[in-house]
Amino acid sequence: MTKGAPFTGEMDTDEEGNVIEPYILGHRDCNYYHQWASIQIVGHDVPLVLDALPKERGMSKDEIVDELLSHATEMADDIELVMMDREFDSDSVKDTCEKYQRSAR
């Protein structure tokens, strides 16, 4: 996951002042930003970005991984190893990865 530069443009809000735009996220320090997840193939120590996905508010980690692996397996059908940041270490993410491992067999 990569956090973009602070967002300083106009934002739609609800009656209570909460940002309602799905791709603009906030943090405790009241800075707003976009956040991206990407999937890359690394061969001979050179990364090739296959896809970058903007994170939508409320999107779970396993949904992010599912969408990224779906796109990656369309472009590369022989993925041997998937590595992730520790923030993705959960049973639901592991189950999603195993779904793609089973479908490759």
PDB file of N, CA and C in Angstrom:
ATOM      1  N   MET A   1       0.844  -1.163   0.000  1.00  0.00           N
ATOM      2  CA  MET A   1       0.000   0.000   0.000  1.00  0.00           C
ATOM      3  C   MET A   1       0.893   1.230   0.000  1.00  0.00           C
ATOM      4  N   THR A   2       0.524   2.183  -0.820  1.00  0.00           N
ATOM      5  CA  THR A   2       1.275   3.423  -0.917  1.00  0.00           C
ATOM      6  C   THR A   2       0.322   4.591  -0.737  1.00  0.00           C
ATOM      7  N   LYS A   3       0.680   5.498   0.149  1.00  0.00           N
ATOM      8  CA  LYS A   3      -0.136   6.677   0.373  1.00  0.00           C
ATOM      9  C   LYS A   3       0.339   7.778  -0.564  1.00  0.00           C
ATOM     10  N   GLY A   4      -0.616   8.409  -1.266  1.00  0.00           N
ATOM     11  CA  GLY A   4      -0.284   9.492  -2.172  1.00  0.00           C
ATOM     12  C   GLY A   4      -0.028  10.789  -1.430  1.00  0.00           C
ATOM     13  N   ALA A   5       0.284  11.818  -2.173  1.00  0.00           N
ATOM     14  CA  ALA A   5       0.486  13.149  -1.606  1.00  0.00           C
ATOM     15  C   ALA A   5      -0.823  13.642  -0.993  1.00  0.00           C
ATOM     16  N   PRO A   6      -0.754  14.528  -0.005  1.00  0.00           N
ATOM     17  CA  PRO A   6      -1.992  15.048   0.583  1.00  0.00           C
ATOM     18  C   PRO A   6      -2.917  15.635  -0.479  1.00  0.00           C
ATOM     19  N   PHE A   7      -4.203  15.321  -0.348  1.00  0.00           N
ATOM     20  CA  PHE A   7      -5.220  15.828  -1.267  1.00  0.00           C
ATOM     21  C   PHE A   7      -5.677  17.184  -0.759  1.00  0.00           C
ATOM     22  N   THR A   8      -5.631  18.185  -1.618  1.00  0.00           N
ATOM     23  CA  THR A   8      -5.987  19.547  -1.188  1.00  0.00           C
ATOM     24  C   THR A   8      -7.135  20.129  -1.990  1.00  0.00           C
ATOM     25  N   GLY A   9      -7.751  19.342  -2.861  1.00  0.00           N
ATOM     26  CA  GLY A   9      -8.838  19.846  -3.698  1.00  0.00           C
ATOM     27  C   GLY A   9     -10.170  19.873  -2.962  1.00  0.00           C
ATOM     28  N   GLU A  10     -11.216  20.191  -3.700  1.00  0.00           N
ATOM     29  CA  GLU A  10     -12.567  20.220  -3.154  1.00  0.00           C
ATOM     30  C   GLU A  10     -13.067  18.789  -2.950  1.00  0.00           C
ATOM     31  N   MET A  11     -13.790  18.555  -1.848  1.00  0.00           N
ATOM     32  CA  MET A  11     -14.323  17.235  -1.550  1.00  0.00           C
ATOM     33  C   MET A  11     -15.806  17.341  -1.236  1.00  0.00           C
ATOM     34  N   ASP A  12     -16.567  16.341  -1.686  1.00  0.00           N
ATOM     35  CA  ASP A  12     -17.978  16.264  -1.326  1.00  0.00           C
ATOM     36  C   ASP A  12     -18.088  15.718   0.095  1.00  0.00           C
ATOM     37  N   THR A  13     -18.945  16.330   0.892  1.00  0.00           N
ATOM     38  CA  THR A  13     -19.149  15.890   2.271  1.00  0.00           C
ATOM     39  C   THR A  13     -20.636  15.696   2.548  1.00  0.00           C
ATOM     40  N   ASP A  14     -20.926  14.958   3.611  1.00  0.00           N
ATOM     41  CA  ASP A  14     -22.317  14.793   4.032  1.00  0.00           C
ATOM     42  C   ASP A  14     -22.701  15.943   4.966  1.00  0.00           C
ATOM     43  N   GLU A  15     -23.882  15.852   5.543  1.00  0.00           N
ATOM     44  CA  GLU A  15     -24.385  16.918   6.407  1.00  0.00           C
ATOM     45  C   GLU A  15     -23.513  17.141   7.640  1.00  0.00           C
ATOM     46  N   GLU A  16     -22.817  16.094   8.072  1.00  0.00           N
ATOM     47  CA  GLU A  16     -21.976  16.180   9.267  1.00  0.00           C
ATOM     48  C   GLU A  16     -20.540  16.580   8.950  1.00  0.00           C
ATOM     49  N   GLY A  17     -20.234  16.823   7.682  1.00  0.00           N
ATOM     50  CA  GLY A  17     -18.890  17.221   7.285  1.00  0.00           C
ATOM     51  C   GLY A  17     -17.949  16.077   6.984  1.00  0.00           C
ATOM     52  N   ASN A  18     -18.450  14.841   6.969  1.00  0.00           N
ATOM     53  CA  ASN A  18     -17.610  13.683   6.645  1.00  0.00           C
ATOM     54  C   ASN A  18     -17.431  13.573   5.139  1.00  0.00           C
ATOM     55  N   VAL A  19     -16.220  13.293   4.714  1.00  0.00           N
ATOM     56  CA  VAL A  19     -15.926  13.119   3.295  1.00  0.00           C
ATOM     57  C   VAL A  19     -16.648  11.868   2.804  1.00  0.00           C
ATOM     58  N   ILE A  20     -17.378  11.994   1.691  1.00  0.00           N
ATOM     59  CA  ILE A  20     -18.142  10.857   1.173  1.00  0.00           C
ATOM     60  C   ILE A  20     -17.572  10.306  -0.129  1.00  0.00           C
ATOM     61  N   GLU A  21     -16.520  10.922  -0.639  1.00  0.00           N
ATOM     62  CA  GLU A  21     -15.909  10.426  -1.871  1.00  0.00           C
ATOM     63  C   GLU A  21     -15.147   9.140  -1.561  1.00  0.00           C
ATOM     64  N   PRO A  22     -15.403   8.060  -2.299  1.00  0.00           N
ATOM     65  CA  PRO A  22     -14.876   6.744  -1.921  1.00  0.00           C
ATOM     66  C   PRO A  22     -13.363   6.586  -2.028  1.00  0.00           C
ATOM     67  N   TYR A  23     -12.695   7.368  -2.854  1.00  0.00           N
ATOM     68  CA  TYR A  23     -11.257   7.180  -3.040  1.00  0.00           C
ATOM     69  C   TYR A  23     -10.416   8.214  -2.313  1.00  0.00           C
ATOM     70  N   ILE A  24     -11.037   9.106  -1.567  1.00  0.00           N
ATOM     71  CA  ILE A  24     -10.286  10.063  -0.766  1.00  0.00           C
ATOM     72  C   ILE A  24     -10.397   9.613   0.679  1.00  0.00           C
ATOM     73  N   LEU A  25      -9.269   9.251   1.258  1.00  0.00           N
ATOM     74  CA  LEU A  25      -9.223   8.690   2.599  1.00  0.00           C
ATOM     75  C   LEU A  25      -8.681   9.729   3.566  1.00  0.00           C
ATOM     76  N   GLY A  26      -8.987   9.579   4.828  1.00  0.00           N
ATOM     77  CA  GLY A  26      -8.504  10.511   5.835  1.00  0.00           C
ATOM     78  C   GLY A  26      -7.722   9.802   6.915  1.00  0.00           C
ATOM     79  N   HIS A  27      -7.089  10.585   7.737  1.00  0.00           N
ATOM     80  CA  HIS A  27      -6.293  10.052   8.834  1.00  0.00           C
ATOM     81  C   HIS A  27      -6.552  10.907  10.058  1.00  0.00           C
ATOM     82  N   ARG A  28      -6.111  10.450  11.201  1.00  0.00           N
ATOM     83  CA  ARG A  28      -6.352  11.171  12.458  1.00  0.00           C
ATOM     84  C   ARG A  28      -5.858  12.609  12.439  1.00  0.00           C
ATOM     85  N   ASP A  29      -4.815  12.880  11.695  1.00  0.00           N
ATOM     86  CA  ASP A  29      -4.272  14.244  11.673  1.00  0.00           C
ATOM     87  C   ASP A  29      -4.994  15.135  10.660  1.00  0.00           C
ATOM     88  N   CYS A  30      -6.138  14.689  10.182  1.00  0.00           N
ATOM     89  CA  CYS A  30      -7.006  15.452   9.269  1.00  0.00           C
ATOM     90  C   CYS A  30      -6.397  15.699   7.898  1.00  0.00           C
ATOM     91  N   ASN A  31      -5.387  14.953   7.525  1.00  0.00           N
ATOM     92  CA  ASN A  31      -4.883  15.012   6.162  1.00  0.00           C
ATOM     93  C   ASN A  31      -5.669  14.018   5.323  1.00  0.00           C
ATOM     94  N   TYR A  32      -5.968  14.385   4.102  1.00  0.00           N
ATOM     95  CA  TYR A  32      -6.689  13.498   3.190  1.00  0.00           C
ATOM     96  C   TYR A  32      -5.754  13.105   2.063  1.00  0.00           C
ATOM     97  N   TYR A  33      -5.938  11.905   1.520  1.00  0.00           N
ATOM     98  CA  TYR A  33      -5.016  11.374   0.526  1.00  0.00           C
ATOM     99  C   TYR A  33      -5.683  10.243  -0.236  1.00  0.00           C
ATOM    100  N   HIS A  34      -5.045   9.841  -1.336  1.00  0.00           N
ATOM    101  CA  HIS A  34      -5.408   8.620  -2.058  1.00  0.00           C
ATOM    102  C   HIS A  34      -4.429   7.549  -1.607  1.00  0.00           C
ATOM    103  N   GLN A  35      -4.848   6.306  -1.667  1.00  0.00           N
ATOM    104  CA  GLN A  35      -3.971   5.201  -1.311  1.00  0.00           C
ATOM    105  C   GLN A  35      -4.033   4.164  -2.422  1.00  0.00           C
ATOM    106  N   TRP A  36      -2.879   3.571  -2.741  1.00  0.00           N
ATOM    107  CA  TRP A  36      -2.760   2.630  -3.856  1.00  0.00           C
ATOM    108  C   TRP A  36      -2.185   1.314  -3.389  1.00  0.00           C
ATOM    109  N   ALA A  37      -2.650   0.249  -3.993  1.00  0.00           N
ATOM    110  CA  ALA A  37      -2.037  -1.074  -3.821  1.00  0.00           C
ATOM    111  C   ALA A  37      -1.546  -1.486  -5.199  1.00  0.00           C
ATOM    112  N   SER A  38      -0.403  -2.121  -5.253  1.00  0.00           N
ATOM    113  CA  SER A  38       0.126  -2.532  -6.553  1.00  0.00           C
ATOM    114  C   SER A  38       0.593  -3.976  -6.489  1.00  0.00           C
ATOM    115  N   ILE A  39       0.662  -4.558  -7.671  1.00  0.00           N
ATOM    116  CA  ILE A  39       1.201  -5.916  -7.801  1.00  0.00           C
ATOM    117  C   ILE A  39       2.285  -5.861  -8.865  1.00  0.00           C
ATOM    118  N   GLN A  40       3.412  -6.501  -8.554  1.00  0.00           N
ATOM    119  CA  GLN A  40       4.578  -6.443  -9.432  1.00  0.00           C
ATOM    120  C   GLN A  40       5.157  -7.829  -9.633  1.00  0.00           C
ATOM    121  N   ILE A  41       5.758  -8.004 -10.769  1.00  0.00           N
ATOM    122  CA  ILE A  41       6.557  -9.203 -11.027  1.00  0.00           C
ATOM    123  C   ILE A  41       8.008  -8.768 -10.906  1.00  0.00           C
ATOM    124  N   VAL A  42       8.789  -9.563 -10.192  1.00  0.00           N
ATOM    125  CA  VAL A  42      10.209  -9.251 -10.049  1.00  0.00           C
ATOM    126  C   VAL A  42      11.005 -10.372 -10.683  1.00  0.00           C
ATOM    127  N   GLY A  43      11.752 -10.028 -11.705  1.00  0.00           N
ATOM    128  CA  GLY A  43      12.617 -10.988 -12.373  1.00  0.00           C
ATOM    129  C   GLY A  43      13.970 -10.343 -12.590  1.00  0.00           C
ATOM    130  N   HIS A  44      15.008 -11.037 -12.256  1.00  0.00           N
ATOM    131  CA  HIS A  44      16.367 -10.498 -12.372  1.00  0.00           C
ATOM    132  C   HIS A  44      16.473  -9.176 -11.622  1.00  0.00           C
ATOM    133  N   ASP A  45      15.807  -9.098 -10.470  1.00  0.00           N
ATOM    134  CA  ASP A  45      15.843  -7.944  -9.567  1.00  0.00           C
ATOM    135  C   ASP A  45      15.264  -6.661 -10.158  1.00  0.00           C
ATOM    136  N   VAL A  46      14.481  -6.774 -11.229  1.00  0.00           N
ATOM    137  CA  VAL A  46      13.852  -5.604 -11.840  1.00  0.00           C
ATOM    138  C   VAL A  46      12.336  -5.750 -11.710  1.00  0.00           C
ATOM    139  N   PRO A  47      11.684  -4.862 -10.947  1.00  0.00           N
ATOM    140  CA  PRO A  47      10.233  -4.984 -10.790  1.00  0.00           C
ATOM    141  C   PRO A  47       9.474  -4.442 -12.003  1.00  0.00           C
ATOM    142  N   LEU A  48       8.432  -5.159 -12.378  1.00  0.00           N
ATOM    143  CA  LEU A  48       7.536  -4.732 -13.451  1.00  0.00           C
ATOM    144  C   LEU A  48       6.142  -4.625 -12.841  1.00  0.00           C
ATOM    145  N   VAL A  49       5.590  -3.424 -12.805  1.00  0.00           N
ATOM    146  CA  VAL A  49       4.274  -3.208 -12.212  1.00  0.00           C
ATOM    147  C   VAL A  49       3.209  -3.721 -13.179  1.00  0.00           C
ATOM    148  N   LEU A  50       2.413  -4.686 -12.723  1.00  0.00           N
ATOM    149  CA  LEU A  50       1.328  -5.224 -13.539  1.00  0.00           C
ATOM    150  C   LEU A  50       0.042  -4.427 -13.358  1.00  0.00           C
ATOM    151  N   ASP A  51      -0.193  -3.946 -12.147  1.00  0.00           N
ATOM    152  CA  ASP A  51      -1.439  -3.239 -11.874  1.00  0.00           C
ATOM    153  C   ASP A  51      -1.270  -2.380 -10.627  1.00  0.00           C
ATOM    154  N   ALA A  52      -1.977  -1.285 -10.596  1.00  0.00           N
ATOM    155  CA  ALA A  52      -2.072  -0.432  -9.411  1.00  0.00           C
ATOM    156  C   ALA A  52      -3.551  -0.135  -9.208  1.00  0.00           C
ATOM    157  N   LEU A  53      -4.004  -0.346  -8.002  1.00  0.00           N
ATOM    158  CA  LEU A  53      -5.418  -0.246  -7.683  1.00  0.00           C
ATOM    159  C   LEU A  53      -5.627   0.853  -6.648  1.00  0.00           C
ATOM    160  N   PRO A  54      -6.487   1.833  -6.941  1.00  0.00           N
ATOM    161  CA  PRO A  54      -6.780   2.824  -5.901  1.00  0.00           C
ATOM    162  C   PRO A  54      -7.647   2.187  -4.824  1.00  0.00           C
ATOM    163  N   LYS A  55      -7.268   2.385  -3.576  1.00  0.00           N
ATOM    164  CA  LYS A  55      -8.034   1.805  -2.465  1.00  0.00           C
ATOM    165  C   LYS A  55      -9.297   2.633  -2.246  1.00  0.00           C
ATOM    166  N   GLU A  56     -10.385   1.918  -2.156  1.00  0.00           N
ATOM    167  CA  GLU A  56     -11.677   2.550  -1.915  1.00  0.00           C
ATOM    168  C   GLU A  56     -12.025   2.408  -0.434  1.00  0.00           C
ATOM    169  N   ARG A  57     -12.640   3.439   0.135  1.00  0.00           N
ATOM    170  CA  ARG A  57     -13.033   3.400   1.543  1.00  0.00           C
ATOM    171  C   ARG A  57     -13.870   2.148   1.809  1.00  0.00           C
ATOM    172  N   GLY A  58     -13.522   1.410   2.857  1.00  0.00           N
ATOM    173  CA  GLY A  58     -14.255   0.209   3.228  1.00  0.00           C
ATOM    174  C   GLY A  58     -13.793  -1.059   2.525  1.00  0.00           C
ATOM    175  N   MET A  59     -12.842  -0.942   1.609  1.00  0.00           N
ATOM    176  CA  MET A  59     -12.354  -2.098   0.872  1.00  0.00           C
ATOM    177  C   MET A  59     -11.441  -2.925   1.769  1.00  0.00           C
ATOM    178  N   SER A  60     -11.729  -4.218   1.878  1.00  0.00           N
ATOM    179  CA  SER A  60     -10.917  -5.079   2.742  1.00  0.00           C
ATOM    180  C   SER A  60      -9.629  -5.503   2.035  1.00  0.00           C
ATOM    181  N   LYS A  61      -8.676  -5.945   2.819  1.00  0.00           N
ATOM    182  CA  LYS A  61      -7.390  -6.389   2.262  1.00  0.00           C
ATOM    183  C   LYS A  61      -7.579  -7.581   1.333  1.00  0.00           C
ATOM    184  N   ASP A  62      -8.462  -8.521   1.688  1.00  0.00           N
ATOM    185  CA  ASP A  62      -8.651  -9.676   0.809  1.00  0.00           C
ATOM    186  C   ASP A  62      -9.331  -9.273  -0.499  1.00  0.00           C
ATOM    187  N   GLU A  63     -10.174  -8.259  -0.494  1.00  0.00           N
ATOM    188  CA  GLU A  63     -10.761  -7.761  -1.746  1.00  0.00           C
ATOM    189  C   GLU A  63      -9.689  -7.136  -2.629  1.00  0.00           C
ATOM    190  N   ILE A  64      -8.770  -6.405  -2.016  1.00  0.00           N
ATOM    191  CA  ILE A  64      -7.667  -5.787  -2.765  1.00  0.00           C
ATOM    192  C   ILE A  64      -6.808  -6.873  -3.400  1.00  0.00           C
ATOM    193  N   VAL A  65      -6.420  -7.864  -2.613  1.00  0.00           N
ATOM    194  CA  VAL A  65      -5.572  -8.950  -3.115  1.00  0.00           C
ATOM    195  C   VAL A  65      -6.293  -9.724  -4.210  1.00  0.00           C
ATOM    196  N   ASP A  66      -7.576  -9.984  -4.026  1.00  0.00           N
ATOM    197  CA  ASP A  66      -8.348 -10.712  -5.030  1.00  0.00           C
ATOM    198  C   ASP A  66      -8.348  -9.974  -6.367  1.00  0.00           C
ATOM    199  N   GLU A  67      -8.594  -8.671  -6.329  1.00  0.00           N
ATOM    200  CA  GLU A  67      -8.622  -7.912  -7.577  1.00  0.00           C
ATOM    201  C   GLU A  67      -7.244  -7.848  -8.232  1.00  0.00           C
ATOM    202  N   LEU A  68      -6.205  -7.626  -7.431  1.00  0.00           N
ATOM    203  CA  LEU A  68      -4.856  -7.564  -7.998  1.00  0.00           C
ATOM    204  C   LEU A  68      -4.420  -8.917  -8.576  1.00  0.00           C
ATOM    205  N   LEU A  69      -4.697 -10.009  -7.863  1.00  0.00           N
ATOM    206  CA  LEU A  69      -4.325 -11.327  -8.393  1.00  0.00           C
ATOM    207  C   LEU A  69      -5.145 -11.693  -9.623  1.00  0.00           C
ATOM    208  N   SER A  70      -6.381 -11.261  -9.665  1.00  0.00           N
ATOM    209  CA  SER A  70      -7.210 -11.508 -10.845  1.00  0.00           C
ATOM    210  C   SER A  70      -6.582 -10.875 -12.080  1.00  0.00           C
ATOM    211  N   HIS A  71      -6.159  -9.637 -11.951  1.00  0.00           N
ATOM    212  CA  HIS A  71      -5.532  -8.949 -13.079  1.00  0.00           C
ATOM    213  C   HIS A  71      -4.171  -9.557 -13.410  1.00  0.00           C
ATOM    214  N   ALA A  72      -3.402  -9.889 -12.377  1.00  0.00           N
ATOM    215  CA  ALA A  72      -2.062 -10.432 -12.603  1.00  0.00           C
ATOM    216  C   ALA A  72      -2.114 -11.784 -13.302  1.00  0.00           C
ATOM    217  N   THR A  73      -3.063 -12.643 -12.924  1.00  0.00           N
ATOM    218  CA  THR A  73      -3.134 -13.964 -13.539  1.00  0.00           C
ATOM    219  C   THR A  73      -3.659 -13.913 -14.973  1.00  0.00           C
ATOM    220  N   GLU A  74      -4.284 -12.823 -15.347  1.00  0.00           N
ATOM    221  CA  GLU A  74      -4.659 -12.634 -16.755  1.00  0.00           C
ATOM    222  C   GLU A  74      -3.427 -12.341 -17.606  1.00  0.00           C
ATOM    223  N   MET A  75      -2.416 -11.702 -16.996  1.00  0.00           N
ATOM    224  CA  MET A  75      -1.218 -11.292 -17.733  1.00  0.00           C
ATOM    225  C   MET A  75      -0.073 -12.286 -17.592  1.00  0.00           C
ATOM    226  N   ALA A  76      -0.011 -12.981 -16.465  1.00  0.00           N
ATOM    227  CA  ALA A  76       1.073 -13.939 -16.206  1.00  0.00           C
ATOM    228  C   ALA A  76       0.449 -15.167 -15.559  1.00  0.00           C
ATOM    229  N   ASP A  77       0.485 -16.271 -16.245  1.00  0.00           N
ATOM    230  CA  ASP A  77      -0.209 -17.449 -15.741  1.00  0.00           C
ATOM    231  C   ASP A  77       0.669 -18.397 -14.924  1.00  0.00           C
ATOM    232  N   ASP A  78       1.901 -18.048 -14.703  1.00  0.00           N
ATOM    233  CA  ASP A  78       2.807 -18.935 -13.982  1.00  0.00           C
ATOM    234  C   ASP A  78       3.409 -18.220 -12.774  1.00  0.00           C
ATOM    235  N   ILE A  79       2.567 -17.741 -11.879  1.00  0.00           N
ATOM    236  CA  ILE A  79       3.031 -17.053 -10.679  1.00  0.00           C
ATOM    237  C   ILE A  79       3.396 -18.103  -9.643  1.00  0.00           C
ATOM    238  N   GLU A  80       4.656 -18.098  -9.212  1.00  0.00           N
ATOM    239  CA  GLU A  80       5.138 -19.110  -8.285  1.00  0.00           C
ATOM    240  C   GLU A  80       5.095 -18.668  -6.834  1.00  0.00           C
ATOM    241  N   LEU A  81       5.270 -17.382  -6.589  1.00  0.00           N
ATOM    242  CA  LEU A  81       5.394 -16.896  -5.220  1.00  0.00           C
ATOM    243  C   LEU A  81       4.731 -15.529  -5.127  1.00  0.00           C
ATOM    244  N   VAL A  82       3.920 -15.338  -4.092  1.00  0.00           N
ATOM    245  CA  VAL A  82       3.302 -14.044  -3.832  1.00  0.00           C
ATOM    246  C   VAL A  82       3.827 -13.548  -2.496  1.00  0.00           C
ATOM    247  N   MET A  83       4.383 -12.345  -2.486  1.00  0.00           N
ATOM    248  CA  MET A  83       4.909 -11.748  -1.258  1.00  0.00           C
ATOM    249  C   MET A  83       4.138 -10.452  -0.992  1.00  0.00           C
ATOM    250  N   MET A  84       3.874 -10.193   0.291  1.00  0.00           N
ATOM    251  CA  MET A  84       3.093  -9.016   0.668  1.00  0.00           C
ATOM    252  C   MET A  84       3.688  -8.362   1.897  1.00  0.00           C
ATOM    253  N   ASP A  85       3.296  -7.113   2.095  1.00  0.00           N
ATOM    254  CA  ASP A  85       3.651  -6.417   3.327  1.00  0.00           C
ATOM    255  C   ASP A  85       2.919  -7.074   4.489  1.00  0.00           C
ATOM    256  N   ARG A  86       3.441  -6.907   5.682  1.00  0.00           N
ATOM    257  CA  ARG A  86       2.849  -7.565   6.850  1.00  0.00           C
ATOM    258  C   ARG A  86       1.436  -7.092   7.156  1.00  0.00           C
ATOM    259  N   GLU A  87       1.045  -5.933   6.669  1.00  0.00           N
ATOM    260  CA  GLU A  87      -0.325  -5.472   6.916  1.00  0.00           C
ATOM    261  C   GLU A  87      -1.363  -6.365   6.230  1.00  0.00           C
ATOM    262  N   PHE A  88      -0.928  -7.211   5.305  1.00  0.00           N
ATOM    263  CA  PHE A  88      -1.819  -8.133   4.602  1.00  0.00           C
ATOM    264  C   PHE A  88      -1.841  -9.515   5.244  1.00  0.00           C
ATOM    265  N   ASP A  89      -1.170  -9.689   6.367  1.00  0.00           N
ATOM    266  CA  ASP A  89      -1.095 -10.988   7.029  1.00  0.00           C
ATOM    267  C   ASP A  89      -2.398 -11.276   7.783  1.00  0.00           C
ATOM    268  N   SER A  90      -3.304 -11.969   7.097  1.00  0.00           N
ATOM    269  CA  SER A  90      -4.567 -12.372   7.718  1.00  0.00           C
ATOM    270  C   SER A  90      -5.047 -13.656   7.052  1.00  0.00           C
ATOM    271  N   ASP A  91      -5.906 -14.371   7.752  1.00  0.00           N
ATOM    272  CA  ASP A  91      -6.432 -15.621   7.204  1.00  0.00           C
ATOM    273  C   ASP A  91      -7.237 -15.384   5.933  1.00  0.00           C
ATOM    274  N   SER A  92      -8.002 -14.294   5.870  1.00  0.00           N
ATOM    275  CA  SER A  92      -8.822 -14.044   4.684  1.00  0.00           C
ATOM    276  C   SER A  92      -7.955 -13.771   3.449  1.00  0.00           C
ATOM    277  N   VAL A  93      -6.833 -13.078   3.627  1.00  0.00           N
ATOM    278  CA  VAL A  93      -5.921 -12.831   2.506  1.00  0.00           C
ATOM    279  C   VAL A  93      -5.255 -14.141   2.084  1.00  0.00           C
ATOM    280  N   LYS A  94      -4.857 -14.954   3.045  1.00  0.00           N
ATOM    281  CA  LYS A  94      -4.242 -16.241   2.720  1.00  0.00           C
ATOM    282  C   LYS A  94      -5.232 -17.129   1.966  1.00  0.00           C
ATOM    283  N   ASP A  95      -6.496 -17.115   2.396  1.00  0.00           N
ATOM    284  CA  ASP A  95      -7.523 -17.896   1.696  1.00  0.00           C
ATOM    285  C   ASP A  95      -7.690 -17.424   0.257  1.00  0.00           C
ATOM    286  N   THR A  96      -7.646 -16.109   0.046  1.00  0.00           N
ATOM    287  CA  THR A  96      -7.767 -15.560  -1.307  1.00  0.00           C
ATOM    288  C   THR A  96      -6.600 -16.019  -2.176  1.00  0.00           C
ATOM    289  N   CYS A  97      -5.395 -15.986  -1.631  1.00  0.00           N
ATOM    290  CA  CYS A  97      -4.226 -16.447  -2.388  1.00  0.00           C
ATOM    291  C   CYS A  97      -4.329 -17.924  -2.717  1.00  0.00           C
ATOM    292  N   GLU A  98      -4.791 -18.710  -1.763  1.00  0.00           N
ATOM    293  CA  GLU A  98      -4.935 -20.149  -1.995  1.00  0.00           C
ATOM    294  C   GLU A  98      -5.966 -20.441  -3.073  1.00  0.00           C
ATOM    295  N   LYS A  99      -6.981 -19.605  -3.190  1.00  0.00           N
ATOM    296  CA  LYS A  99      -7.987 -19.772  -4.260  1.00  0.00           C
ATOM    297  C   LYS A  99      -7.313 -19.688  -5.626  1.00  0.00           C
ATOM    298  N   TYR A 100      -6.372 -18.778  -5.786  1.00  0.00           N
ATOM    299  CA  TYR A 100      -5.669 -18.648  -7.061  1.00  0.00           C
ATOM    300  C   TYR A 100      -4.668 -19.783  -7.248  1.00  0.00           C
ATOM    301  N   GLN A 101      -4.119 -20.282  -6.172  1.00  0.00           N
ATOM    302  CA  GLN A 101      -3.184 -21.415  -6.260  1.00  0.00           C
ATOM    303  C   GLN A 101      -3.953 -22.660  -6.735  1.00  0.00           C
ATOM    304  N   ARG A 102      -5.158 -22.889  -6.199  1.00  0.00           N
ATOM    305  CA  ARG A 102      -5.956 -24.042  -6.599  1.00  0.00           C
ATOM    306  C   ARG A 102      -6.414 -23.937  -8.053  1.00  0.00           C
ATOM    307  N   SER A 103      -6.751 -22.723  -8.487  1.00  0.00           N
ATOM    308  CA  SER A 103      -7.249 -22.576  -9.867  1.00  0.00           C
ATOM    309  C   SER A 103      -6.125 -22.719 -10.886  1.00  0.00           C
ATOM    310  N   ALA A 104      -4.876 -22.579 -10.451  1.00  0.00           N
ATOM    311  CA  ALA A 104      -3.742 -22.728 -11.373  1.00  0.00           C
ATOM    312  C   ALA A 104      -3.385 -24.189 -11.611  1.00  0.00           C
ATOM    313  N   ARG A 105      -3.852 -25.044 -10.751  1.00  0.00           N
ATOM    314  CA  ARG A 105      -3.510 -26.475 -10.885  1.00  0.00           C
ATOM    315  C   ARG A 105      -4.246 -27.132 -12.007  1.00  0.00           C
TER     316      ARG A 105
END
